[in-house]
Amino acid sequence: MPRAAAPADTASVAAAPPAPALPPAPQEVRSGSNSWEGKVLARMERFRRYPAAARARGEEGIVTLRCRVDREGRVLAAAVEHSSGHPALDQAALDTLQRAAPLPRIPDERPEQLELSIPVQFRVRQPGV
């Protein structure tokens, strides 16, 4: 006579806590269109200043900033996410964000706060020039 399988122990499954939700991925700001992200980049560009000493040394690079912004465009936190390899350019990117604040207001259909990755490019000679 075949033996019946023992009932599965469901208590351990039921007692396991649910996995924590992953934090939302940062929005990567890209240029283009009349989007909110495009407005953020346009504002950053208006306030970007190339450090004279870095320009004279021919230092170039892209600094990626990570920042958290509230609904009103206030910068709540900011840091260099990816360095250009040149401390003067990294600091200039952070200074750009500080001068550009507040950023454009986050649209109502978006969350109250957003985390962004913003590229700030420093080139001695712009492409095509």
N, C-alpha and C. Protein backbone atom coordinates (compact mmCIF):
# COMPACT_ATOMS: atom_id res chain seq x y z
N MET A 1 0.85 -1.16 0.00
CA MET A 1 0.00 0.00 0.00
C MET A 1 0.90 1.24 0.00
N PRO A 2 0.70 2.18 -0.97
CA PRO A 2 1.56 3.37 -1.03
C PRO A 2 1.29 4.27 0.16
N ARG A 3 2.36 4.90 0.60
CA ARG A 3 2.25 5.82 1.73
C ARG A 3 1.91 7.20 1.22
N ALA A 4 1.10 7.90 1.93
CA ALA A 4 0.75 9.27 1.57
C ALA A 4 1.91 10.19 1.93
N ALA A 5 2.16 11.16 1.10
CA ALA A 5 3.25 12.12 1.37
C ALA A 5 2.87 12.97 2.57
N ALA A 6 3.84 13.29 3.34
CA ALA A 6 3.61 14.14 4.50
C ALA A 6 3.19 15.52 4.04
N PRO A 7 2.26 16.13 4.73
CA PRO A 7 1.84 17.48 4.32
C PRO A 7 3.01 18.45 4.38
N ALA A 8 3.04 19.36 3.41
CA ALA A 8 4.13 20.36 3.37
C ALA A 8 4.01 21.28 4.56
N ASP A 9 5.13 21.69 5.07
CA ASP A 9 5.16 22.60 6.21
C ASP A 9 4.96 24.01 5.68
N THR A 10 3.74 24.50 5.76
CA THR A 10 3.43 25.84 5.24
C THR A 10 3.70 26.93 6.26
N ALA A 11 3.92 26.57 7.51
CA ALA A 11 4.14 27.58 8.54
C ALA A 11 5.40 28.39 8.25
N SER A 12 6.46 27.74 7.74
CA SER A 12 7.69 28.48 7.49
C SER A 12 7.52 29.46 6.34
N VAL A 13 6.71 29.10 5.36
CA VAL A 13 6.48 30.01 4.23
C VAL A 13 5.63 31.19 4.69
N ALA A 14 4.60 30.89 5.45
CA ALA A 14 3.70 31.95 5.90
C ALA A 14 4.40 32.90 6.87
N ALA A 15 5.35 32.38 7.65
CA ALA A 15 6.01 33.22 8.63
C ALA A 15 7.13 34.07 8.04
N ALA A 16 7.55 33.77 6.82
CA ALA A 16 8.64 34.53 6.20
C ALA A 16 8.17 35.94 5.91
N PRO A 17 8.95 36.92 6.29
CA PRO A 17 8.53 38.30 6.01
C PRO A 17 8.62 38.57 4.51
N PRO A 18 7.79 39.46 4.01
CA PRO A 18 7.86 39.80 2.59
C PRO A 18 9.19 40.48 2.29
N ALA A 19 9.66 40.28 1.10
CA ALA A 19 10.91 40.92 0.68
C ALA A 19 10.71 42.42 0.64
N PRO A 20 11.70 43.18 1.10
CA PRO A 20 11.54 44.63 1.08
C PRO A 20 11.52 45.13 -0.36
N ALA A 21 10.76 46.17 -0.59
CA ALA A 21 10.68 46.76 -1.92
C ALA A 21 12.01 47.42 -2.25
N LEU A 22 12.42 47.29 -3.49
CA LEU A 22 13.64 47.95 -3.93
C LEU A 22 13.39 49.44 -4.06
N PRO A 23 14.39 50.26 -3.76
CA PRO A 23 14.20 51.70 -3.95
C PRO A 23 14.07 51.99 -5.44
N PRO A 24 13.36 53.04 -5.79
CA PRO A 24 13.23 53.35 -7.21
C PRO A 24 14.59 53.70 -7.79
N ALA A 25 14.79 53.31 -9.02
CA ALA A 25 16.04 53.62 -9.71
C ALA A 25 16.11 55.12 -9.95
N PRO A 26 17.30 55.69 -9.88
CA PRO A 26 17.39 57.12 -10.16
C PRO A 26 17.03 57.41 -11.60
N GLN A 27 16.39 58.52 -11.81
CA GLN A 27 16.06 58.96 -13.16
C GLN A 27 17.33 59.49 -13.79
N GLU A 28 17.64 59.04 -14.97
CA GLU A 28 18.80 59.58 -15.65
C GLU A 28 18.31 60.73 -16.51
N VAL A 29 18.91 61.87 -16.29
CA VAL A 29 18.49 63.06 -17.01
C VAL A 29 19.16 63.07 -18.37
N ARG A 30 18.34 63.16 -19.39
CA ARG A 30 18.83 63.22 -20.77
C ARG A 30 18.28 64.46 -21.43
N SER A 31 19.07 64.97 -22.37
CA SER A 31 18.63 66.17 -23.07
C SER A 31 17.57 65.82 -24.09
N GLY A 32 17.02 66.83 -24.68
CA GLY A 32 16.02 66.63 -25.72
C GLY A 32 14.71 67.24 -25.28
N SER A 33 13.75 67.09 -26.08
CA SER A 33 12.36 67.48 -25.88
C SER A 33 12.13 68.57 -24.85
N ASN A 34 10.88 68.83 -24.68
CA ASN A 34 10.46 69.86 -23.73
C ASN A 34 10.09 69.20 -22.41
N SER A 35 10.66 68.02 -22.14
CA SER A 35 10.35 67.27 -20.93
C SER A 35 10.90 67.98 -19.70
N TRP A 36 10.45 67.51 -18.56
CA TRP A 36 10.97 68.07 -17.31
C TRP A 36 12.47 67.85 -17.23
N GLU A 37 12.93 66.66 -17.64
CA GLU A 37 14.36 66.36 -17.61
C GLU A 37 15.14 67.33 -18.50
N GLY A 38 14.58 67.63 -19.68
CA GLY A 38 15.21 68.58 -20.59
C GLY A 38 15.31 69.96 -19.97
N LYS A 39 14.29 70.34 -19.22
CA LYS A 39 14.30 71.64 -18.54
C LYS A 39 15.37 71.68 -17.44
N VAL A 40 15.54 70.55 -16.75
CA VAL A 40 16.58 70.46 -15.72
C VAL A 40 17.95 70.65 -16.36
N LEU A 41 18.20 69.94 -17.47
CA LEU A 41 19.49 70.06 -18.15
C LEU A 41 19.72 71.47 -18.67
N ALA A 42 18.69 72.09 -19.22
CA ALA A 42 18.83 73.46 -19.75
C ALA A 42 19.18 74.42 -18.61
N ARG A 43 18.55 74.25 -17.47
CA ARG A 43 18.85 75.12 -16.32
C ARG A 43 20.28 74.89 -15.86
N MET A 44 20.69 73.63 -15.78
CA MET A 44 22.07 73.33 -15.37
C MET A 44 23.06 73.97 -16.35
N GLU A 45 22.79 73.90 -17.62
CA GLU A 45 23.70 74.46 -18.62
C GLU A 45 23.85 75.97 -18.46
N ARG A 46 22.77 76.65 -18.11
CA ARG A 46 22.84 78.11 -17.91
C ARG A 46 23.77 78.49 -16.76
N PHE A 47 23.92 77.61 -15.80
CA PHE A 47 24.71 77.93 -14.61
C PHE A 47 26.08 77.24 -14.57
N ARG A 48 26.40 76.47 -15.62
CA ARG A 48 27.69 75.76 -15.67
C ARG A 48 28.81 76.76 -15.95
N ARG A 49 29.88 76.67 -15.16
CA ARG A 49 31.06 77.51 -15.34
C ARG A 49 32.28 76.59 -15.41
N TYR A 50 33.06 76.77 -16.45
CA TYR A 50 34.27 75.96 -16.63
C TYR A 50 35.38 76.61 -15.83
N PRO A 51 35.98 75.94 -14.86
CA PRO A 51 37.06 76.57 -14.08
C PRO A 51 38.22 76.97 -15.00
N ALA A 52 38.64 78.21 -14.90
CA ALA A 52 39.68 78.74 -15.78
C ALA A 52 40.97 77.94 -15.70
N ALA A 53 41.39 77.58 -14.50
CA ALA A 53 42.63 76.83 -14.35
C ALA A 53 42.52 75.45 -14.99
N ALA A 54 41.36 74.80 -14.84
CA ALA A 54 41.16 73.48 -15.45
C ALA A 54 41.14 73.59 -16.98
N ARG A 55 40.54 74.65 -17.48
CA ARG A 55 40.51 74.87 -18.93
C ARG A 55 41.93 75.09 -19.44
N ALA A 56 42.71 75.89 -18.73
CA ALA A 56 44.08 76.19 -19.14
C ALA A 56 44.93 74.92 -19.16
N ARG A 57 44.64 73.99 -18.24
CA ARG A 57 45.39 72.71 -18.21
C ARG A 57 44.83 71.71 -19.21
N GLY A 58 43.74 72.06 -19.88
CA GLY A 58 43.13 71.15 -20.86
C GLY A 58 42.36 70.01 -20.23
N GLU A 59 41.95 70.18 -18.97
CA GLU A 59 41.19 69.13 -18.29
C GLU A 59 39.78 69.07 -18.87
N GLU A 60 39.35 67.87 -19.19
CA GLU A 60 38.02 67.63 -19.73
C GLU A 60 37.41 66.43 -19.03
N GLY A 61 36.11 66.31 -19.12
CA GLY A 61 35.46 65.13 -18.58
C GLY A 61 33.98 65.36 -18.34
N ILE A 62 33.35 64.29 -17.96
CA ILE A 62 31.92 64.33 -17.62
C ILE A 62 31.80 63.90 -16.16
N VAL A 63 31.16 64.74 -15.39
CA VAL A 63 30.87 64.46 -13.99
C VAL A 63 29.41 64.05 -13.92
N THR A 64 29.11 62.94 -13.28
CA THR A 64 27.72 62.57 -13.08
C THR A 64 27.38 62.83 -11.62
N LEU A 65 26.40 63.70 -11.44
CA LEU A 65 25.93 64.02 -10.10
C LEU A 65 24.71 63.18 -9.79
N ARG A 66 24.58 62.77 -8.56
CA ARG A 66 23.36 62.13 -8.08
C ARG A 66 22.75 63.08 -7.07
N CYS A 67 21.48 63.39 -7.28
CA CYS A 67 20.82 64.30 -6.34
C CYS A 67 19.38 63.88 -6.11
N ARG A 68 18.86 64.30 -4.98
CA ARG A 68 17.45 64.09 -4.64
C ARG A 68 16.80 65.46 -4.62
N VAL A 69 15.66 65.55 -5.30
CA VAL A 69 14.96 66.82 -5.48
C VAL A 69 13.53 66.67 -4.99
N ASP A 70 13.02 67.70 -4.33
CA ASP A 70 11.62 67.64 -3.89
C ASP A 70 10.71 68.27 -4.94
N ARG A 71 9.42 68.20 -4.70
CA ARG A 71 8.40 68.68 -5.65
C ARG A 71 8.68 70.10 -6.13
N GLU A 72 9.15 70.96 -5.24
CA GLU A 72 9.38 72.37 -5.58
C GLU A 72 10.72 72.61 -6.27
N GLY A 73 11.50 71.55 -6.51
CA GLY A 73 12.77 71.69 -7.20
C GLY A 73 13.95 71.95 -6.27
N ARG A 74 13.69 71.89 -4.97
CA ARG A 74 14.78 72.08 -4.01
C ARG A 74 15.67 70.85 -4.00
N VAL A 75 16.97 71.07 -4.00
CA VAL A 75 17.93 69.97 -3.95
C VAL A 75 18.10 69.58 -2.48
N LEU A 76 17.71 68.33 -2.16
CA LEU A 76 17.76 67.86 -0.78
C LEU A 76 19.11 67.22 -0.46
N ALA A 77 19.74 66.63 -1.45
CA ALA A 77 21.04 65.98 -1.27
C ALA A 77 21.72 65.90 -2.63
N ALA A 78 23.04 65.98 -2.62
CA ALA A 78 23.79 65.89 -3.88
C ALA A 78 25.18 65.35 -3.61
N ALA A 79 25.68 64.58 -4.57
CA ALA A 79 27.03 64.03 -4.47
C ALA A 79 27.52 63.69 -5.87
N VAL A 80 28.83 63.56 -6.00
CA VAL A 80 29.41 63.11 -7.26
C VAL A 80 29.22 61.60 -7.33
N GLU A 81 28.50 61.15 -8.33
CA GLU A 81 28.27 59.71 -8.52
C GLU A 81 29.42 59.09 -9.31
N HIS A 82 29.85 59.78 -10.37
CA HIS A 82 31.00 59.36 -11.18
C HIS A 82 31.88 60.57 -11.42
N SER A 83 33.12 60.46 -11.02
CA SER A 83 34.07 61.57 -11.14
C SER A 83 34.56 61.71 -12.58
N SER A 84 34.95 62.93 -12.91
CA SER A 84 35.58 63.20 -14.20
C SER A 84 37.05 62.80 -14.15
N GLY A 85 37.55 62.59 -12.95
CA GLY A 85 38.98 62.33 -12.77
C GLY A 85 39.75 63.60 -12.45
N HIS A 86 39.04 64.72 -12.42
CA HIS A 86 39.66 66.02 -12.12
C HIS A 86 38.87 66.67 -10.99
N PRO A 87 39.47 66.81 -9.80
CA PRO A 87 38.74 67.39 -8.67
C PRO A 87 38.14 68.76 -8.96
N ALA A 88 38.82 69.58 -9.73
CA ALA A 88 38.29 70.92 -10.03
C ALA A 88 36.99 70.83 -10.84
N LEU A 89 36.92 69.89 -11.76
CA LEU A 89 35.70 69.72 -12.56
C LEU A 89 34.58 69.12 -11.72
N ASP A 90 34.93 68.17 -10.86
CA ASP A 90 33.92 67.59 -9.97
C ASP A 90 33.29 68.66 -9.09
N GLN A 91 34.14 69.53 -8.53
CA GLN A 91 33.63 70.61 -7.68
C GLN A 91 32.82 71.61 -8.50
N ALA A 92 33.26 71.89 -9.71
CA ALA A 92 32.53 72.82 -10.58
C ALA A 92 31.14 72.28 -10.90
N ALA A 93 31.01 70.97 -11.06
CA ALA A 93 29.70 70.37 -11.31
C ALA A 93 28.78 70.54 -10.10
N LEU A 94 29.32 70.29 -8.90
CA LEU A 94 28.53 70.50 -7.68
C LEU A 94 28.14 71.97 -7.53
N ASP A 95 29.06 72.87 -7.85
CA ASP A 95 28.77 74.30 -7.79
C ASP A 95 27.68 74.68 -8.79
N THR A 96 27.70 74.04 -9.95
CA THR A 96 26.68 74.29 -10.97
C THR A 96 25.30 73.96 -10.41
N LEU A 97 25.19 72.80 -9.79
CA LEU A 97 23.91 72.38 -9.21
C LEU A 97 23.45 73.36 -8.14
N GLN A 98 24.38 73.82 -7.32
CA GLN A 98 24.04 74.77 -6.26
C GLN A 98 23.53 76.08 -6.86
N ARG A 99 24.19 76.58 -7.91
CA ARG A 99 23.75 77.83 -8.55
C ARG A 99 22.42 77.66 -9.27
N ALA A 100 22.19 76.48 -9.83
CA ALA A 100 20.97 76.23 -10.61
C ALA A 100 19.74 76.02 -9.72
N ALA A 101 19.96 75.69 -8.46
CA ALA A 101 18.84 75.43 -7.55
C ALA A 101 18.07 76.71 -7.25
N PRO A 102 16.76 76.64 -7.16
CA PRO A 102 15.96 75.43 -7.30
C PRO A 102 15.82 75.02 -8.77
N LEU A 103 15.71 73.72 -8.99
CA LEU A 103 15.49 73.18 -10.32
C LEU A 103 14.01 73.34 -10.68
N PRO A 104 13.65 73.08 -11.93
CA PRO A 104 12.23 73.17 -12.29
C PRO A 104 11.37 72.28 -11.39
N ARG A 105 10.18 72.74 -11.12
CA ARG A 105 9.24 72.01 -10.26
C ARG A 105 8.91 70.66 -10.89
N ILE A 106 8.84 69.62 -10.05
CA ILE A 106 8.48 68.28 -10.53
C ILE A 106 6.99 68.29 -10.90
N PRO A 107 6.65 67.77 -12.08
CA PRO A 107 5.23 67.73 -12.48
C PRO A 107 4.39 66.92 -11.48
N ASP A 108 3.12 67.28 -11.37
CA ASP A 108 2.22 66.66 -10.40
C ASP A 108 2.06 65.15 -10.60
N GLU A 109 2.20 64.67 -11.84
CA GLU A 109 2.01 63.24 -12.09
C GLU A 109 3.23 62.41 -11.68
N ARG A 110 4.28 63.06 -11.24
CA ARG A 110 5.49 62.38 -10.79
C ARG A 110 5.49 62.30 -9.26
N PRO A 111 6.38 61.47 -8.69
CA PRO A 111 6.47 61.38 -7.22
C PRO A 111 6.87 62.72 -6.58
N GLU A 112 6.63 62.82 -5.29
CA GLU A 112 6.96 64.03 -4.53
C GLU A 112 8.45 64.33 -4.54
N GLN A 113 9.27 63.29 -4.53
CA GLN A 113 10.73 63.44 -4.60
C GLN A 113 11.26 62.53 -5.68
N LEU A 114 12.29 62.99 -6.35
CA LEU A 114 12.95 62.17 -7.36
C LEU A 114 14.45 62.15 -7.09
N GLU A 115 15.06 61.03 -7.41
CA GLU A 115 16.51 60.93 -7.36
C GLU A 115 16.99 60.94 -8.81
N LEU A 116 17.93 61.81 -9.10
CA LEU A 116 18.39 62.01 -10.46
C LEU A 116 19.87 61.73 -10.60
N SER A 117 20.27 61.29 -11.77
CA SER A 117 21.68 61.25 -12.17
C SER A 117 21.82 62.27 -13.29
N ILE A 118 22.61 63.30 -13.04
CA ILE A 118 22.74 64.40 -13.99
C ILE A 118 24.17 64.47 -14.50
N PRO A 119 24.36 64.31 -15.83
CA PRO A 119 25.71 64.47 -16.37
C PRO A 119 26.03 65.95 -16.58
N VAL A 120 27.23 66.34 -16.19
CA VAL A 120 27.71 67.71 -16.42
C VAL A 120 29.01 67.58 -17.20
N GLN A 121 28.98 68.05 -18.43
CA GLN A 121 30.11 67.85 -19.33
C GLN A 121 31.00 69.08 -19.40
N PHE A 122 32.29 68.84 -19.34
CA PHE A 122 33.29 69.90 -19.49
C PHE A 122 34.20 69.52 -20.65
N ARG A 123 34.13 70.27 -21.73
CA ARG A 123 34.98 70.06 -22.90
C ARG A 123 35.62 71.38 -23.25
N VAL A 124 36.94 71.35 -23.47
CA VAL A 124 37.64 72.57 -23.85
C VAL A 124 37.11 73.07 -25.19
N ARG A 125 36.91 72.14 -26.09
CA ARG A 125 36.37 72.48 -27.41
C ARG A 125 35.14 71.64 -27.64
N GLN A 126 34.01 72.29 -27.87
CA GLN A 126 32.77 71.56 -28.11
C GLN A 126 32.83 70.87 -29.45
N PRO A 127 32.25 69.66 -29.58
CA PRO A 127 32.24 68.94 -30.86
C PRO A 127 31.59 69.79 -31.94
N GLY A 128 32.17 69.78 -33.12
CA GLY A 128 31.62 70.52 -34.25
C GLY A 128 32.00 71.98 -34.27
N VAL A 129 32.83 72.41 -33.32
CA VAL A 129 33.21 73.83 -33.27
C VAL A 129 34.63 73.97 -33.74
